[in-house]
Amino acid sequence: MPDTAGVIYLTEKADGRVFTTIDETIVRTLASACAVAISKVRQIEQLEARNRELEQRMAERTSK
């Protein structure tokens, strides 16, 4: 089961009309784009943490 990256909560349209299938498609597309962006940020954070760890190990080895 995939992780939940966030929630989009919709109440009602400003003009009071019901949501259409086009509205749903737009929201789904936006949600997908957001999920990709969040995933990329998480990957970058993991890579940066790993890089810091490796730099620390290198510093420890070269200082001996």
PDB file of N, CA and C in Angstrom:
ATOM      1  N   MET A   1       0.847  -1.175   0.000  1.00  0.00           N
ATOM      2  CA  MET A   1       0.000   0.000   0.000  1.00  0.00           C
ATOM      3  C   MET A   1       0.898   1.245   0.000  1.00  0.00           C
ATOM      4  N   PRO A   2       0.654   2.187  -0.904  1.00  0.00           N
ATOM      5  CA  PRO A   2       1.520   3.377  -0.969  1.00  0.00           C
ATOM      6  C   PRO A   2       1.326   4.297   0.232  1.00  0.00           C
ATOM      7  N   ASP A   3       2.389   5.032   0.547  1.00  0.00           N
ATOM      8  CA  ASP A   3       2.312   6.007   1.633  1.00  0.00           C
ATOM      9  C   ASP A   3       1.414   7.168   1.229  1.00  0.00           C
ATOM     10  N   THR A   4       0.751   7.737   2.210  1.00  0.00           N
ATOM     11  CA  THR A   4      -0.038   8.939   1.963  1.00  0.00           C
ATOM     12  C   THR A   4       0.874  10.132   2.158  1.00  0.00           C
ATOM     13  N   ALA A   5       0.993  10.943   1.115  1.00  0.00           N
ATOM     14  CA  ALA A   5       1.864  12.115   1.179  1.00  0.00           C
ATOM     15  C   ALA A   5       1.105  13.337   1.663  1.00  0.00           C
ATOM     16  N   GLY A   6      -0.190  13.321   1.542  1.00  0.00           N
ATOM     17  CA  GLY A   6      -0.996  14.464   1.944  1.00  0.00           C
ATOM     18  C   GLY A   6      -2.458  14.229   1.627  1.00  0.00           C
ATOM     19  N   VAL A   7      -3.245  15.212   1.941  1.00  0.00           N
ATOM     20  CA  VAL A   7      -4.688  15.112   1.720  1.00  0.00           C
ATOM     21  C   VAL A   7      -5.173  16.409   1.079  1.00  0.00           C
ATOM     22  N   ILE A   8      -6.017  16.272   0.078  1.00  0.00           N
ATOM     23  CA  ILE A   8      -6.683  17.436  -0.508  1.00  0.00           C
ATOM     24  C   ILE A   8      -8.145  17.341  -0.091  1.00  0.00           C
ATOM     25  N   TYR A   9      -8.596  18.357   0.580  1.00  0.00           N
ATOM     26  CA  TYR A   9      -9.974  18.369   1.076  1.00  0.00           C
ATOM     27  C   TYR A   9     -10.760  19.437   0.317  1.00  0.00           C
ATOM     28  N   LEU A  10     -11.794  19.003  -0.357  1.00  0.00           N
ATOM     29  CA  LEU A  10     -12.640  19.920  -1.115  1.00  0.00           C
ATOM     30  C   LEU A  10     -14.023  19.975  -0.474  1.00  0.00           C
ATOM     31  N   THR A  11     -14.548  21.164  -0.332  1.00  0.00           N
ATOM     32  CA  THR A  11     -15.891  21.288   0.236  1.00  0.00           C
ATOM     33  C   THR A  11     -16.892  21.552  -0.881  1.00  0.00           C
ATOM     34  N   GLU A  12     -16.978  22.766  -1.316  1.00  0.00           N
ATOM     35  CA  GLU A  12     -17.881  23.085  -2.422  1.00  0.00           C
ATOM     36  C   GLU A  12     -17.282  24.207  -3.249  1.00  0.00           C
ATOM     37  N   LYS A  13     -17.704  24.287  -4.481  1.00  0.00           N
ATOM     38  CA  LYS A  13     -17.184  25.310  -5.384  1.00  0.00           C
ATOM     39  C   LYS A  13     -17.698  26.689  -4.952  1.00  0.00           C
ATOM     40  N   ALA A  14     -16.914  27.713  -5.251  1.00  0.00           N
ATOM     41  CA  ALA A  14     -17.263  29.084  -4.855  1.00  0.00           C
ATOM     42  C   ALA A  14     -18.607  29.514  -5.435  1.00  0.00           C
ATOM     43  N   ASP A  15     -18.910  29.026  -6.642  1.00  0.00           N
ATOM     44  CA  ASP A  15     -20.178  29.434  -7.270  1.00  0.00           C
ATOM     45  C   ASP A  15     -21.353  28.530  -6.899  1.00  0.00           C
ATOM     46  N   GLY A  16     -21.086  27.535  -6.066  1.00  0.00           N
ATOM     47  CA  GLY A  16     -22.153  26.663  -5.582  1.00  0.00           C
ATOM     48  C   GLY A  16     -22.487  25.491  -6.486  1.00  0.00           C
ATOM     49  N   ARG A  17     -21.883  25.436  -7.672  1.00  0.00           N
ATOM     50  CA  ARG A  17     -22.176  24.317  -8.586  1.00  0.00           C
ATOM     51  C   ARG A  17     -21.473  23.047  -8.103  1.00  0.00           C
ATOM     52  N   VAL A  18     -21.935  21.916  -8.592  1.00  0.00           N
ATOM     53  CA  VAL A  18     -21.325  20.633  -8.228  1.00  0.00           C
ATOM     54  C   VAL A  18     -20.031  20.443  -9.008  1.00  0.00           C
ATOM     55  N   PHE A  19     -19.160  19.605  -8.480  1.00  0.00           N
ATOM     56  CA  PHE A  19     -17.917  19.299  -9.166  1.00  0.00           C
ATOM     57  C   PHE A  19     -18.202  18.415 -10.374  1.00  0.00           C
ATOM     58  N   THR A  20     -17.490  18.693 -11.451  1.00  0.00           N
ATOM     59  CA  THR A  20     -17.648  17.916 -12.681  1.00  0.00           C
ATOM     60  C   THR A  20     -16.524  16.906 -12.795  1.00  0.00           C
ATOM     61  N   THR A  21     -16.622  16.044 -13.803  1.00  0.00           N
ATOM     62  CA  THR A  21     -15.541  15.090 -14.041  1.00  0.00           C
ATOM     63  C   THR A  21     -14.266  15.828 -14.463  1.00  0.00           C
ATOM     64  N   ILE A  22     -14.411  16.958 -15.118  1.00  0.00           N
ATOM     65  CA  ILE A  22     -13.237  17.765 -15.475  1.00  0.00           C
ATOM     66  C   ILE A  22     -12.569  18.288 -14.205  1.00  0.00           C
ATOM     67  N   ASP A  23     -13.375  18.773 -13.250  1.00  0.00           N
ATOM     68  CA  ASP A  23     -12.830  19.221 -11.965  1.00  0.00           C
ATOM     69  C   ASP A  23     -12.065  18.083 -11.288  1.00  0.00           C
ATOM     70  N   GLU A  24     -12.655  16.903 -11.301  1.00  0.00           N
ATOM     71  CA  GLU A  24     -12.013  15.752 -10.671  1.00  0.00           C
ATOM     72  C   GLU A  24     -10.692  15.420 -11.359  1.00  0.00           C
ATOM     73  N   THR A  25     -10.674  15.480 -12.674  1.00  0.00           N
ATOM     74  CA  THR A  25      -9.448  15.214 -13.425  1.00  0.00           C
ATOM     75  C   THR A  25      -8.366  16.226 -13.074  1.00  0.00           C
ATOM     76  N   ILE A  26      -8.737  17.489 -12.974  1.00  0.00           N
ATOM     77  CA  ILE A  26      -7.776  18.535 -12.620  1.00  0.00           C
ATOM     78  C   ILE A  26      -7.206  18.283 -11.228  1.00  0.00           C
ATOM     79  N   VAL A  27      -8.062  17.963 -10.273  1.00  0.00           N
ATOM     80  CA  VAL A  27      -7.601  17.727  -8.901  1.00  0.00           C
ATOM     81  C   VAL A  27      -6.711  16.486  -8.839  1.00  0.00           C
ATOM     82  N   ARG A  28      -7.093  15.438  -9.554  1.00  0.00           N
ATOM     83  CA  ARG A  28      -6.262  14.228  -9.569  1.00  0.00           C
ATOM     84  C   ARG A  28      -4.885  14.501 -10.192  1.00  0.00           C
ATOM     85  N   THR A  29      -4.876  15.290 -11.257  1.00  0.00           N
ATOM     86  CA  THR A  29      -3.612  15.641 -11.908  1.00  0.00           C
ATOM     87  C   THR A  29      -2.740  16.462 -10.966  1.00  0.00           C
ATOM     88  N   LEU A  30      -3.338  17.427 -10.305  1.00  0.00           N
ATOM     89  CA  LEU A  30      -2.618  18.241  -9.333  1.00  0.00           C
ATOM     90  C   LEU A  30      -2.072  17.371  -8.201  1.00  0.00           C
ATOM     91  N   ALA A  31      -2.897  16.470  -7.697  1.00  0.00           N
ATOM     92  CA  ALA A  31      -2.470  15.586  -6.609  1.00  0.00           C
ATOM     93  C   ALA A  31      -1.299  14.710  -7.047  1.00  0.00           C
ATOM     94  N   SER A  32      -1.351  14.212  -8.271  1.00  0.00           N
ATOM     95  CA  SER A  32      -0.257  13.380  -8.780  1.00  0.00           C
ATOM     96  C   SER A  32       1.032  14.183  -8.888  1.00  0.00           C
ATOM     97  N   ALA A  33       0.932  15.397  -9.397  1.00  0.00           N
ATOM     98  CA  ALA A  33       2.116  16.248  -9.515  1.00  0.00           C
ATOM     99  C   ALA A  33       2.694  16.556  -8.135  1.00  0.00           C
ATOM    100  N   CYS A  34       1.834  16.814  -7.176  1.00  0.00           N
ATOM    101  CA  CYS A  34       2.292  17.077  -5.805  1.00  0.00           C
ATOM    102  C   CYS A  34       2.974  15.852  -5.216  1.00  0.00           C
ATOM    103  N   ALA A  35       2.407  14.681  -5.458  1.00  0.00           N
ATOM    104  CA  ALA A  35       2.998  13.451  -4.937  1.00  0.00           C
ATOM    105  C   ALA A  35       4.384  13.225  -5.516  1.00  0.00           C
ATOM    106  N   VAL A  36       4.560  13.496  -6.800  1.00  0.00           N
ATOM    107  CA  VAL A  36       5.876  13.350  -7.427  1.00  0.00           C
ATOM    108  C   VAL A  36       6.864  14.333  -6.795  1.00  0.00           C
ATOM    109  N   ALA A  37       6.437  15.571  -6.624  1.00  0.00           N
ATOM    110  CA  ALA A  37       7.315  16.586  -6.025  1.00  0.00           C
ATOM    111  C   ALA A  37       7.710  16.201  -4.602  1.00  0.00           C
ATOM    112  N   ILE A  38       6.762  15.748  -3.807  1.00  0.00           N
ATOM    113  CA  ILE A  38       7.046  15.331  -2.430  1.00  0.00           C
ATOM    114  C   ILE A  38       8.017  14.155  -2.419  1.00  0.00           C
ATOM    115  N   SER A  39       7.806  13.207  -3.316  1.00  0.00           N
ATOM    116  CA  SER A  39       8.694  12.044  -3.401  1.00  0.00           C
ATOM    117  C   SER A  39      10.112  12.477  -3.752  1.00  0.00           C
ATOM    118  N   LYS A  40      10.242  13.389  -4.696  1.00  0.00           N
ATOM    119  CA  LYS A  40      11.573  13.866  -5.088  1.00  0.00           C
ATOM    120  C   LYS A  40      12.263  14.587  -3.937  1.00  0.00           C
ATOM    121  N   VAL A  41      11.520  15.389  -3.185  1.00  0.00           N
ATOM    122  CA  VAL A  41      12.105  16.078  -2.035  1.00  0.00           C
ATOM    123  C   VAL A  41      12.589  15.056  -1.007  1.00  0.00           C
ATOM    124  N   ARG A  42      11.803  14.036  -0.764  1.00  0.00           N
ATOM    125  CA  ARG A  42      12.206  13.006   0.196  1.00  0.00           C
ATOM    126  C   ARG A  42      13.470  12.288  -0.271  1.00  0.00           C
ATOM    127  N   GLN A  43      13.539  11.992  -1.569  1.00  0.00           N
ATOM    128  CA  GLN A  43      14.731  11.336  -2.109  1.00  0.00           C
ATOM    129  C   GLN A  43      15.959  12.229  -1.968  1.00  0.00           C
ATOM    130  N   ILE A  44      15.803  13.502  -2.260  1.00  0.00           N
ATOM    131  CA  ILE A  44      16.920  14.444  -2.128  1.00  0.00           C
ATOM    132  C   ILE A  44      17.374  14.516  -0.675  1.00  0.00           C
ATOM    133  N   GLU A  45      16.428  14.575   0.260  1.00  0.00           N
ATOM    134  CA  GLU A  45      16.783  14.618   1.675  1.00  0.00           C
ATOM    135  C   GLU A  45      17.547  13.367   2.080  1.00  0.00           C
ATOM    136  N   GLN A  46      17.133  12.204   1.588  1.00  0.00           N
ATOM    137  CA  GLN A  46      17.839  10.954   1.899  1.00  0.00           C
ATOM    138  C   GLN A  46      19.249  10.968   1.318  1.00  0.00           C
ATOM    139  N   LEU A  47      19.375  11.450   0.083  1.00  0.00           N
ATOM    140  CA  LEU A  47      20.696  11.519  -0.540  1.00  0.00           C
ATOM    141  C   LEU A  47      21.613  12.496   0.201  1.00  0.00           C
ATOM    142  N   GLU A  48      21.080  13.620   0.615  1.00  0.00           N
ATOM    143  CA  GLU A  48      21.873  14.590   1.362  1.00  0.00           C
ATOM    144  C   GLU A  48      22.325  14.022   2.702  1.00  0.00           C
ATOM    145  N   ALA A  49      21.450  13.298   3.376  1.00  0.00           N
ATOM    146  CA  ALA A  49      21.812  12.684   4.652  1.00  0.00           C
ATOM    147  C   ALA A  49      22.903  11.632   4.440  1.00  0.00           C
ATOM    148  N   ARG A  50      22.759  10.839   3.402  1.00  0.00           N
ATOM    149  CA  ARG A  50      23.767   9.815   3.102  1.00  0.00           C
ATOM    150  C   ARG A  50      25.104  10.472   2.742  1.00  0.00           C
ATOM    151  N   ASN A  51      25.030  11.552   1.989  1.00  0.00           N
ATOM    152  CA  ASN A  51      26.240  12.275   1.612  1.00  0.00           C
ATOM    153  C   ASN A  51      26.951  12.832   2.848  1.00  0.00           C
ATOM    154  N   ARG A  52      26.185  13.404   3.782  1.00  0.00           N
ATOM    155  CA  ARG A  52      26.789  13.916   5.019  1.00  0.00           C
ATOM    156  C   ARG A  52      27.469  12.787   5.790  1.00  0.00           C
ATOM    157  N   GLU A  53      26.797  11.640   5.838  1.00  0.00           N
ATOM    158  CA  GLU A  53      27.362  10.487   6.541  1.00  0.00           C
ATOM    159  C   GLU A  53      28.678  10.044   5.898  1.00  0.00           C
ATOM    160  N   LEU A  54      28.699   9.974   4.587  1.00  0.00           N
ATOM    161  CA  LEU A  54      29.917   9.562   3.890  1.00  0.00           C
ATOM    162  C   LEU A  54      31.031  10.591   4.050  1.00  0.00           C
ATOM    163  N   GLU A  55      30.682  11.873   4.003  1.00  0.00           N
ATOM    164  CA  GLU A  55      31.685  12.916   4.216  1.00  0.00           C
ATOM    165  C   GLU A  55      32.285  12.828   5.617  1.00  0.00           C
ATOM    166  N   GLN A  56      31.447  12.536   6.599  1.00  0.00           N
ATOM    167  CA  GLN A  56      31.922  12.385   7.969  1.00  0.00           C
ATOM    168  C   GLN A  56      32.879  11.200   8.075  1.00  0.00           C
ATOM    169  N   ARG A  57      32.534  10.100   7.443  1.00  0.00           N
ATOM    170  CA  ARG A  57      33.411   8.922   7.463  1.00  0.00           C
ATOM    171  C   ARG A  57      34.751   9.229   6.803  1.00  0.00           C
ATOM    172  N   MET A  58      34.699   9.936   5.687  1.00  0.00           N
ATOM    173  CA  MET A  58      35.939  10.304   4.991  1.00  0.00           C
ATOM    174  C   MET A  58      36.797  11.215   5.870  1.00  0.00           C
ATOM    175  N   ALA A  59      36.155  12.167   6.526  1.00  0.00           N
ATOM    176  CA  ALA A  59      36.897  13.079   7.413  1.00  0.00           C
ATOM    177  C   ALA A  59      37.542  12.322   8.550  1.00  0.00           C
ATOM    178  N   GLU A  60      36.837  11.337   9.109  1.00  0.00           N
ATOM    179  CA  GLU A  60      37.391  10.537  10.188  1.00  0.00           C
ATOM    180  C   GLU A  60      38.577   9.712   9.716  1.00  0.00           C
ATOM    181  N   ARG A  61      38.478   9.155   8.518  1.00  0.00           N
ATOM    182  CA  ARG A  61      39.575   8.316   7.995  1.00  0.00           C
ATOM    183  C   ARG A  61      40.796   9.129   7.632  1.00  0.00           C
ATOM    184  N   THR A  62      40.586  10.317   7.092  1.00  0.00           N
ATOM    185  CA  THR A  62      41.726  11.114   6.658  1.00  0.00           C
ATOM    186  C   THR A  62      42.398  11.852   7.813  1.00  0.00           C
ATOM    187  N   SER A  63      41.694  11.951   8.949  1.00  0.00           N
ATOM    188  CA  SER A  63      42.302  12.652  10.102  1.00  0.00           C
ATOM    189  C   SER A  63      43.168  11.729  10.935  1.00  0.00           C
ATOM    190  N   LYS A  64      43.176  10.457  10.645  1.00  0.00           N
ATOM    191  CA  LYS A  64      43.958   9.477  11.434  1.00  0.00           C
ATOM    192  C   LYS A  64      45.382   9.411  10.977  1.00  0.00           C
TER     193      LYS A  64
END
